[in-house]
Amino acid sequence: MTREQYIKILQRELERINREIDIKIIAGEAYAKQAREHKILLRKIHNHYHKGTFSGLLGKLFARPKFQF
């Protein structure tokens, strides 16, 4: 499974949970479990889009020059 496919699956799951939350809000029911799942999915999506940005920048700044012979 590619990274793009994985992110699409996460986004579909996020949309499903959003619909569940909306229905529960309208019905006046508790939705704490879905809110936790929503938060976890958002974090997973964020981590895939921003994976290693800061460490990659530091690696480029402090990288030793590579010599080719």
PDB file of N, CA and C in Angstrom:
ATOM      1  N   MET A   1       0.849  -1.171   0.000  1.00  0.00           N
ATOM      2  CA  MET A   1       0.000   0.000   0.000  1.00  0.00           C
ATOM      3  C   MET A   1       0.898   1.238   0.000  1.00  0.00           C
ATOM      4  N   THR A   2       0.603   2.151  -0.879  1.00  0.00           N
ATOM      5  CA  THR A   2       1.409   3.362  -0.959  1.00  0.00           C
ATOM      6  C   THR A   2       0.969   4.353   0.113  1.00  0.00           C
ATOM      7  N   ARG A   3       1.794   5.338   0.313  1.00  0.00           N
ATOM      8  CA  ARG A   3       1.504   6.386   1.295  1.00  0.00           C
ATOM      9  C   ARG A   3       0.213   7.122   0.937  1.00  0.00           C
ATOM     10  N   GLU A   4       0.022   7.403  -0.358  1.00  0.00           N
ATOM     11  CA  GLU A   4      -1.174   8.120  -0.800  1.00  0.00           C
ATOM     12  C   GLU A   4      -2.434   7.292  -0.537  1.00  0.00           C
ATOM     13  N   GLN A   5      -2.361   5.989  -0.789  1.00  0.00           N
ATOM     14  CA  GLN A   5      -3.507   5.120  -0.535  1.00  0.00           C
ATOM     15  C   GLN A   5      -3.835   5.089   0.960  1.00  0.00           C
ATOM     16  N   TYR A   6      -2.808   5.018   1.788  1.00  0.00           N
ATOM     17  CA  TYR A   6      -3.003   4.987   3.227  1.00  0.00           C
ATOM     18  C   TYR A   6      -3.664   6.280   3.705  1.00  0.00           C
ATOM     19  N   ILE A   7      -3.210   7.402   3.207  1.00  0.00           N
ATOM     20  CA  ILE A   7      -3.782   8.685   3.600  1.00  0.00           C
ATOM     21  C   ILE A   7      -5.234   8.787   3.138  1.00  0.00           C
ATOM     22  N   LYS A   8      -5.538   8.279   1.943  1.00  0.00           N
ATOM     23  CA  LYS A   8      -6.927   8.281   1.454  1.00  0.00           C
ATOM     24  C   LYS A   8      -7.823   7.448   2.360  1.00  0.00           C
ATOM     25  N   ILE A   9      -7.328   6.305   2.795  1.00  0.00           N
ATOM     26  CA  ILE A   9      -8.106   5.453   3.702  1.00  0.00           C
ATOM     27  C   ILE A   9      -8.354   6.195   5.015  1.00  0.00           C
ATOM     28  N   LEU A  10      -7.328   6.849   5.534  1.00  0.00           N
ATOM     29  CA  LEU A  10      -7.492   7.615   6.776  1.00  0.00           C
ATOM     30  C   LEU A  10      -8.518   8.733   6.591  1.00  0.00           C
ATOM     31  N   GLN A  11      -8.473   9.413   5.448  1.00  0.00           N
ATOM     32  CA  GLN A  11      -9.419  10.494   5.198  1.00  0.00           C
ATOM     33  C   GLN A  11     -10.853   9.982   5.088  1.00  0.00           C
ATOM     34  N   ARG A  12     -11.052   8.847   4.453  1.00  0.00           N
ATOM     35  CA  ARG A  12     -12.394   8.253   4.366  1.00  0.00           C
ATOM     36  C   ARG A  12     -12.914   7.888   5.761  1.00  0.00           C
ATOM     37  N   GLU A  13     -12.034   7.308   6.566  1.00  0.00           N
ATOM     38  CA  GLU A  13     -12.415   6.948   7.927  1.00  0.00           C
ATOM     39  C   GLU A  13     -12.755   8.205   8.734  1.00  0.00           C
ATOM     40  N   LEU A  14     -12.004   9.265   8.524  1.00  0.00           N
ATOM     41  CA  LEU A  14     -12.268  10.530   9.203  1.00  0.00           C
ATOM     42  C   LEU A  14     -13.636  11.085   8.808  1.00  0.00           C
ATOM     43  N   GLU A  15     -13.976  11.012   7.528  1.00  0.00           N
ATOM     44  CA  GLU A  15     -15.289  11.470   7.069  1.00  0.00           C
ATOM     45  C   GLU A  15     -16.407  10.639   7.696  1.00  0.00           C
ATOM     46  N   ARG A  16     -16.202   9.319   7.804  1.00  0.00           N
ATOM     47  CA  ARG A  16     -17.197   8.444   8.410  1.00  0.00           C
ATOM     48  C   ARG A  16     -17.430   8.821   9.868  1.00  0.00           C
ATOM     49  N   ILE A  17     -16.339   9.048  10.590  1.00  0.00           N
ATOM     50  CA  ILE A  17     -16.454   9.411  12.003  1.00  0.00           C
ATOM     51  C   ILE A  17     -17.116  10.784  12.145  1.00  0.00           C
ATOM     52  N   ASN A  18     -16.808  11.701  11.248  1.00  0.00           N
ATOM     53  CA  ASN A  18     -17.456  13.018  11.289  1.00  0.00           C
ATOM     54  C   ASN A  18     -18.967  12.887  11.130  1.00  0.00           C
ATOM     55  N   ARG A  19     -19.402  12.013  10.219  1.00  0.00           N
ATOM     56  CA  ARG A  19     -20.845  11.796  10.038  1.00  0.00           C
ATOM     57  C   ARG A  19     -21.468  11.226  11.312  1.00  0.00           C
ATOM     58  N   GLU A  20     -20.778  10.257  11.933  1.00  0.00           N
ATOM     59  CA  GLU A  20     -21.279   9.674  13.179  1.00  0.00           C
ATOM     60  C   GLU A  20     -21.405  10.741  14.263  1.00  0.00           C
ATOM     61  N   ILE A  21     -20.384  11.585  14.384  1.00  0.00           N
ATOM     62  CA  ILE A  21     -20.403  12.646  15.388  1.00  0.00           C
ATOM     63  C   ILE A  21     -21.559  13.601  15.121  1.00  0.00           C
ATOM     64  N   ASP A  22     -21.752  13.983  13.867  1.00  0.00           N
ATOM     65  CA  ASP A  22     -22.849  14.893  13.520  1.00  0.00           C
ATOM     66  C   ASP A  22     -24.201  14.302  13.905  1.00  0.00           C
ATOM     67  N   ILE A  23     -24.400  13.030  13.606  1.00  0.00           N
ATOM     68  CA  ILE A  23     -25.667  12.370  13.931  1.00  0.00           C
ATOM     69  C   ILE A  23     -25.879  12.339  15.442  1.00  0.00           C
ATOM     70  N   LYS A  24     -24.816  12.044  16.188  1.00  0.00           N
ATOM     71  CA  LYS A  24     -24.942  11.979  17.644  1.00  0.00           C
ATOM     72  C   LYS A  24     -25.191  13.363  18.242  1.00  0.00           C
ATOM     73  N   ILE A  25     -24.590  14.400  17.683  1.00  0.00           N
ATOM     74  CA  ILE A  25     -24.837  15.756  18.167  1.00  0.00           C
ATOM     75  C   ILE A  25     -26.307  16.128  17.945  1.00  0.00           C
ATOM     76  N   ILE A  26     -26.822  15.828  16.762  1.00  0.00           N
ATOM     77  CA  ILE A  26     -28.222  16.132  16.457  1.00  0.00           C
ATOM     78  C   ILE A  26     -29.165  15.368  17.386  1.00  0.00           C
ATOM     79  N   ALA A  27     -28.821  14.117  17.685  1.00  0.00           N
ATOM     80  CA  ALA A  27     -29.656  13.285  18.553  1.00  0.00           C
ATOM     81  C   ALA A  27     -29.449  13.608  20.032  1.00  0.00           C
ATOM     82  N   GLY A  28     -28.433  14.402  20.349  1.00  0.00           N
ATOM     83  CA  GLY A  28     -28.161  14.752  21.738  1.00  0.00           C
ATOM     84  C   GLY A  28     -27.463  13.654  22.509  1.00  0.00           C
ATOM     85  N   GLU A  29     -26.762  12.790  21.825  1.00  0.00           N
ATOM     86  CA  GLU A  29     -26.062  11.675  22.467  1.00  0.00           C
ATOM     87  C   GLU A  29     -24.595  12.032  22.705  1.00  0.00           C
ATOM     88  N   ALA A  30     -23.957  11.256  23.570  1.00  0.00           N
ATOM     89  CA  ALA A  30     -22.532  11.448  23.850  1.00  0.00           C
ATOM     90  C   ALA A  30     -21.702  10.905  22.680  1.00  0.00           C
ATOM     91  N   TYR A  31     -20.599  11.578  22.384  1.00  0.00           N
ATOM     92  CA  TYR A  31     -19.763  11.168  21.255  1.00  0.00           C
ATOM     93  C   TYR A  31     -18.273  11.207  21.610  1.00  0.00           C
ATOM     94  N   ALA A  32     -17.947  10.959  22.870  1.00  0.00           N
ATOM     95  CA  ALA A  32     -16.567  11.022  23.336  1.00  0.00           C
ATOM     96  C   ALA A  32     -15.675   9.983  22.641  1.00  0.00           C
ATOM     97  N   LYS A  33     -16.203   8.778  22.456  1.00  0.00           N
ATOM     98  CA  LYS A  33     -15.409   7.722  21.810  1.00  0.00           C
ATOM     99  C   LYS A  33     -15.043   8.119  20.381  1.00  0.00           C
ATOM    100  N   GLN A  34     -16.019   8.639  19.636  1.00  0.00           N
ATOM    101  CA  GLN A  34     -15.764   9.059  18.262  1.00  0.00           C
ATOM    102  C   GLN A  34     -14.822  10.250  18.224  1.00  0.00           C
ATOM    103  N   ALA A  35     -14.919  11.126  19.209  1.00  0.00           N
ATOM    104  CA  ALA A  35     -14.025  12.289  19.259  1.00  0.00           C
ATOM    105  C   ALA A  35     -12.569  11.847  19.444  1.00  0.00           C
ATOM    106  N   ARG A  36     -12.363  10.818  20.269  1.00  0.00           N
ATOM    107  CA  ARG A  36     -11.000  10.291  20.449  1.00  0.00           C
ATOM    108  C   ARG A  36     -10.476   9.684  19.152  1.00  0.00           C
ATOM    109  N   GLU A  37     -11.331   8.906  18.483  1.00  0.00           N
ATOM    110  CA  GLU A  37     -10.925   8.309  17.200  1.00  0.00           C
ATOM    111  C   GLU A  37     -10.604   9.393  16.178  1.00  0.00           C
ATOM    112  N   HIS A  38     -11.421  10.443  16.166  1.00  0.00           N
ATOM    113  CA  HIS A  38     -11.222  11.570  15.255  1.00  0.00           C
ATOM    114  C   HIS A  38      -9.860  12.217  15.507  1.00  0.00           C
ATOM    115  N   LYS A  39      -9.537  12.427  16.757  1.00  0.00           N
ATOM    116  CA  LYS A  39      -8.261  13.052  17.128  1.00  0.00           C
ATOM    117  C   LYS A  39      -7.071  12.176  16.703  1.00  0.00           C
ATOM    118  N   ILE A  40      -7.194  10.879  16.901  1.00  0.00           N
ATOM    119  CA  ILE A  40      -6.124   9.951  16.531  1.00  0.00           C
ATOM    120  C   ILE A  40      -5.908   9.957  15.015  1.00  0.00           C
ATOM    121  N   LEU A  41      -7.006   9.931  14.258  1.00  0.00           N
ATOM    122  CA  LEU A  41      -6.890   9.943  12.798  1.00  0.00           C
ATOM    123  C   LEU A  41      -6.272  11.247  12.301  1.00  0.00           C
ATOM    124  N   LEU A  42      -6.682  12.367  12.884  1.00  0.00           N
ATOM    125  CA  LEU A  42      -6.084  13.642  12.486  1.00  0.00           C
ATOM    126  C   LEU A  42      -4.579  13.640  12.743  1.00  0.00           C
ATOM    127  N   ARG A  43      -4.165  13.085  13.866  1.00  0.00           N
ATOM    128  CA  ARG A  43      -2.741  13.027  14.205  1.00  0.00           C
ATOM    129  C   ARG A  43      -1.996  12.142  13.208  1.00  0.00           C
ATOM    130  N   LYS A  44      -2.595  11.006  12.821  1.00  0.00           N
ATOM    131  CA  LYS A  44      -1.945  10.117  11.850  1.00  0.00           C
ATOM    132  C   LYS A  44      -1.775  10.824  10.504  1.00  0.00           C
ATOM    133  N   ILE A  45      -2.821  11.523  10.058  1.00  0.00           N
ATOM    134  CA  ILE A  45      -2.743  12.235   8.784  1.00  0.00           C
ATOM    135  C   ILE A  45      -1.687  13.332   8.871  1.00  0.00           C
ATOM    136  N   HIS A  46      -1.689  14.065   9.962  1.00  0.00           N
ATOM    137  CA  HIS A  46      -0.706  15.135  10.136  1.00  0.00           C
ATOM    138  C   HIS A  46       0.719  14.578  10.122  1.00  0.00           C
ATOM    139  N   ASN A  47       0.924  13.480  10.825  1.00  0.00           N
ATOM    140  CA  ASN A  47       2.265  12.891  10.893  1.00  0.00           C
ATOM    141  C   ASN A  47       2.757  12.428   9.521  1.00  0.00           C
ATOM    142  N   HIS A  48       1.861  11.953   8.671  1.00  0.00           N
ATOM    143  CA  HIS A  48       2.283  11.506   7.343  1.00  0.00           C
ATOM    144  C   HIS A  48       2.608  12.666   6.420  1.00  0.00           C
ATOM    145  N   TYR A  49       1.901  13.781   6.590  1.00  0.00           N
ATOM    146  CA  TYR A  49       2.186  14.929   5.746  1.00  0.00           C
ATOM    147  C   TYR A  49       3.424  15.681   6.203  1.00  0.00           C
ATOM    148  N   HIS A  50       3.694  15.661   7.504  1.00  0.00           N
ATOM    149  CA  HIS A  50       4.792  16.441   8.059  1.00  0.00           C
ATOM    150  C   HIS A  50       5.880  15.563   8.640  1.00  0.00           C
ATOM    151  N   LYS A  51       5.994  14.375   8.142  1.00  0.00           N
ATOM    152  CA  LYS A  51       6.953  13.416   8.675  1.00  0.00           C
ATOM    153  C   LYS A  51       8.389  13.873   8.398  1.00  0.00           C
ATOM    154  N   GLY A  52       9.134  14.082   9.458  1.00  0.00           N
ATOM    155  CA  GLY A  52      10.553  14.365   9.340  1.00  0.00           C
ATOM    156  C   GLY A  52      10.909  15.705   8.750  1.00  0.00           C
ATOM    157  N   THR A  53       9.996  16.664   8.726  1.00  0.00           N
ATOM    158  CA  THR A  53      10.307  17.962   8.143  1.00  0.00           C
ATOM    159  C   THR A  53      11.416  18.648   8.918  1.00  0.00           C
ATOM    160  N   PHE A  54      11.285  18.706  10.235  1.00  0.00           N
ATOM    161  CA  PHE A  54      12.277  19.391  11.051  1.00  0.00           C
ATOM    162  C   PHE A  54      13.597  18.628  11.073  1.00  0.00           C
ATOM    163  N   SER A  55      13.524  17.326  11.241  1.00  0.00           N
ATOM    164  CA  SER A  55      14.763  16.545  11.281  1.00  0.00           C
ATOM    165  C   SER A  55      15.442  16.553   9.922  1.00  0.00           C
ATOM    166  N   GLY A  56      14.671  16.577   8.842  1.00  0.00           N
ATOM    167  CA  GLY A  56      15.249  16.657   7.504  1.00  0.00           C
ATOM    168  C   GLY A  56      15.980  17.970   7.296  1.00  0.00           C
ATOM    169  N   LEU A  57      15.411  19.050   7.827  1.00  0.00           N
ATOM    170  CA  LEU A  57      16.047  20.361   7.719  1.00  0.00           C
ATOM    171  C   LEU A  57      17.352  20.380   8.507  1.00  0.00           C
ATOM    172  N   LEU A  58      17.318  19.838   9.719  1.00  0.00           N
ATOM    173  CA  LEU A  58      18.542  19.798  10.523  1.00  0.00           C
ATOM    174  C   LEU A  58      19.602  18.932   9.855  1.00  0.00           C
ATOM    175  N   GLY A  59      19.166  17.828   9.271  1.00  0.00           N
ATOM    176  CA  GLY A  59      20.107  16.951   8.582  1.00  0.00           C
ATOM    177  C   GLY A  59      20.792  17.656   7.424  1.00  0.00           C
ATOM    178  N   LYS A  60      20.057  18.477   6.712  1.00  0.00           N
ATOM    179  CA  LYS A  60      20.640  19.211   5.594  1.00  0.00           C
ATOM    180  C   LYS A  60      21.591  20.300   6.074  1.00  0.00           C
ATOM    181  N   LEU A  61      21.259  20.942   7.177  1.00  0.00           N
ATOM    182  CA  LEU A  61      22.108  22.018   7.693  1.00  0.00           C
ATOM    183  C   LEU A  61      23.437  21.505   8.225  1.00  0.00           C
ATOM    184  N   PHE A  62      23.385  20.361   8.904  1.00  0.00           N
ATOM    185  CA  PHE A  62      24.589  19.854   9.572  1.00  0.00           C
ATOM    186  C   PHE A  62      25.178  18.610   8.893  1.00  0.00           C
ATOM    187  N   ALA A  63      24.842  18.385   7.656  1.00  0.00           N
ATOM    188  CA  ALA A  63      25.353  17.214   6.950  1.00  0.00           C
ATOM    189  C   ALA A  63      26.823  17.424   6.588  1.00  0.00           C
ATOM    190  N   ARG A  64      27.562  16.360   6.664  1.00  0.00           N
ATOM    191  CA  ARG A  64      28.955  16.413   6.239  1.00  0.00           C
ATOM    192  C   ARG A  64      28.998  16.343   4.720  1.00  0.00           C
ATOM    193  N   PRO A  65      29.898  17.036   4.121  1.00  0.00           N
ATOM    194  CA  PRO A  65      29.978  16.975   2.663  1.00  0.00           C
ATOM    195  C   PRO A  65      30.337  15.554   2.218  1.00  0.00           C
ATOM    196  N   LYS A  66      29.730  15.117   1.138  1.00  0.00           N
ATOM    197  CA  LYS A  66      29.999  13.789   0.604  1.00  0.00           C
ATOM    198  C   LYS A  66      30.888  13.936  -0.616  1.00  0.00           C
ATOM    199  N   PHE A  67      32.001  13.289  -0.558  1.00  0.00           N
ATOM    200  CA  PHE A  67      32.951  13.354  -1.650  1.00  0.00           C
ATOM    201  C   PHE A  67      32.838  12.108  -2.504  1.00  0.00           C
ATOM    202  N   GLN A  68      32.876  12.294  -3.795  1.00  0.00           N
ATOM    203  CA  GLN A  68      32.823  11.152  -4.705  1.00  0.00           C
ATOM    204  C   GLN A  68      34.186  11.007  -5.376  1.00  0.00           C
ATOM    205  N   PHE A  69      34.701   9.817  -5.351  1.00  0.00           N
ATOM    206  CA  PHE A  69      35.995   9.555  -5.981  1.00  0.00           C
ATOM    207  C   PHE A  69      35.831   8.617  -7.128  1.00  0.00           C
TER     208      PHE A  69
END
